[in-house]
Protein backbone atom coordinates (compact mmCIF):
# COMPACT_ATOMS: atom_id res chain seq x y z
CA UNK A 1 11.55 -12.40 -10.00
CA UNK A 2 9.52 -15.01 -7.43
CA UNK A 3 12.45 -16.25 -6.22
CA UNK A 4 13.62 -12.82 -5.17
CA UNK A 5 10.30 -12.27 -3.52
CA UNK A 6 10.23 -15.29 -1.72
CA UNK A 7 13.71 -14.72 -0.42
CA UNK A 8 12.83 -11.01 0.67
CA UNK A 9 9.65 -12.50 2.52
CA UNK A 10 11.58 -14.85 4.39
CA UNK A 11 14.25 -12.55 5.40
CA UNK A 12 11.40 -10.24 6.60
CA UNK A 13 9.57 -13.25 8.53
CA UNK A 14 12.78 -14.36 10.51
CA UNK A 15 13.27 -10.96 11.70
CA UNK A 16 9.49 -10.25 12.40
CA UNK A 17 8.73 -14.00 13.52
CA UNK A 18 5.63 -13.93 11.14
CA UNK A 19 5.87 -16.85 8.79
CA UNK A 20 2.31 -16.45 7.38
CA UNK A 21 3.30 -14.42 4.08
CA UNK A 22 5.50 -17.10 3.24
CA UNK A 23 3.23 -19.70 3.53
CA UNK A 24 0.51 -17.90 1.43
CA UNK A 25 3.69 -16.73 -1.31
CA UNK A 26 4.88 -20.49 -1.36
CA UNK A 27 1.23 -21.60 -1.94
CA UNK A 28 -0.27 -18.78 -4.30
CA UNK A 29 2.61 -18.31 -6.40
CA UNK A 30 2.23 -21.62 -8.48
CA UNK A 31 -1.36 -21.13 -8.70
CA UNK A 32 -0.30 -18.11 -10.42
CA UNK A 33 2.14 -19.53 -12.80
CA UNK A 34 -0.58 -22.48 -13.62
CA UNK A 35 -3.00 -19.63 -14.40
CA UNK A 36 -0.39 -18.19 -16.93
CA UNK A 37 0.78 -21.57 -18.28
CA UNK A 38 -2.97 -22.50 -19.09
CA UNK A 39 -3.89 -18.80 -20.20
CA UNK A 40 -2.79 -19.28 -24.11
CA UNK A 41 -4.78 -22.34 -24.49
CA UNK A 42 -8.15 -20.93 -22.26
CA UNK A 43 -7.62 -17.92 -25.12
CA UNK A 44 -7.69 -20.15 -28.07
CA UNK A 45 -10.67 -22.29 -26.47
CA UNK A 46 -12.84 -19.43 -25.65
CA UNK A 47 -12.69 -18.69 -29.52
CA UNK A 48 -13.77 -21.90 -30.58
CA UNK A 49 -17.73 -22.63 -30.55
CA UNK A 50 -17.81 -25.65 -28.30
CA UNK A 51 -19.59 -26.94 -25.68
CA UNK A 52 -18.12 -27.06 -21.89
CA UNK A 53 -18.09 -30.50 -20.09
CA UNK A 54 -16.64 -31.33 -16.72
CA UNK A 55 -15.10 -34.97 -15.86
CA UNK A 56 -15.56 -35.63 -12.46
CA UNK A 57 -13.13 -38.69 -12.47
CA UNK A 58 -10.30 -36.11 -13.32
CA UNK A 59 -11.66 -33.97 -10.67
CA UNK A 60 -11.51 -36.34 -7.90
CA UNK A 61 -8.38 -37.80 -9.21
CA UNK A 62 -6.49 -34.89 -9.53
CA UNK A 63 -7.83 -31.87 -8.57
CA UNK A 64 -9.02 -32.53 -5.19
CA UNK A 65 -5.73 -33.96 -4.04
CA UNK A 66 -3.68 -31.06 -5.22
CA UNK A 67 -6.19 -28.75 -3.42
CA UNK A 68 -6.03 -30.57 -0.39
CA UNK A 69 -2.08 -30.57 -0.39
CA UNK A 70 -2.47 -26.58 -0.66
CA UNK A 71 -4.84 -26.05 2.17
CA UNK A 72 -3.02 -28.30 4.62
CA UNK A 73 0.15 -26.53 3.60
CA UNK A 74 -1.86 -22.93 4.71
CA UNK A 75 -4.37 -24.16 7.25
CA UNK A 76 -2.23 -25.18 10.14
CA UNK A 77 -0.62 -21.22 10.17
CA UNK A 78 -4.24 -19.80 10.13
CA UNK A 79 -5.89 -19.22 13.63
CA UNK A 80 -8.43 -21.90 12.32
CA UNK A 81 -5.95 -24.48 12.23
CA UNK A 82 -3.46 -23.63 14.59
CA UNK A 83 -2.57 -26.03 17.25
CA UNK A 84 -4.91 -28.58 15.96
CA UNK A 85 -4.27 -29.50 12.86
CA UNK A 86 -0.68 -31.16 12.08
CA UNK A 87 1.17 -30.59 8.68
CA UNK A 88 1.06 -33.66 6.81
CA UNK A 89 4.35 -35.52 6.61
CA UNK A 90 4.51 -35.42 2.39
CA UNK A 91 4.23 -31.60 2.90
CA UNK A 92 6.92 -31.40 5.53
CA UNK A 93 9.23 -33.68 3.09
CA UNK A 94 8.72 -32.16 -0.15
CA UNK A 95 8.10 -28.39 0.91
CA UNK A 96 8.44 -26.22 -0.99
CA UNK A 97 8.47 -28.46 -4.11
CA UNK A 98 5.22 -30.37 -3.46
CA UNK A 99 3.57 -27.21 -3.21
CA UNK A 100 4.56 -25.79 -6.10
CA UNK A 101 3.67 -28.97 -8.20
CA UNK A 102 0.39 -28.97 -6.68
CA UNK A 103 -0.24 -25.75 -7.47
CA UNK A 104 0.27 -25.90 -11.06
CA UNK A 105 -1.38 -29.11 -11.66
CA UNK A 106 -4.26 -28.09 -9.33
CA UNK A 107 -4.82 -25.05 -12.22
CA UNK A 108 -3.79 -26.94 -15.16
CA UNK A 109 -6.07 -29.73 -14.19
CA UNK A 110 -8.85 -27.47 -13.31
CA UNK A 111 -8.96 -26.20 -17.12
CA UNK A 112 -8.63 -29.49 -18.48
CA UNK A 113 -11.30 -31.11 -16.21
CA UNK A 114 -13.82 -28.02 -16.99
CA UNK A 115 -12.87 -28.34 -20.53
CA UNK A 116 -14.82 -27.80 -24.22
CA UNK A 117 -15.75 -31.18 -25.88
CA UNK A 118 -15.90 -31.11 -29.72
CA UNK A 119 -19.66 -30.10 -30.61
CA UNK A 120 -21.31 -32.77 -32.66
């Protein structure tokens, strides 16, 4: 379903010369998939009586680079970054695979970083 929608967006973008919907879909769709993958665990953790904790090391090492990759794949196509920001080489070489991986990792790691710890 996601591939069909992306192909349709790419076809419309080639006719209208408007690439922003394709870029947004390529960046936001993996985040939605990551949310759906993590949702069952979130429901289970929500039912348990545990305290929430936040791991800053994992946040800095995993979440921030993933957020950077997703942001740098969108920002050069917006009026804010158009002509000012260059697309990173890692995004150009690995796109859209690197965006998909970064989006899924971003959401899953964000939930892991802010997970519940056992109540002693």
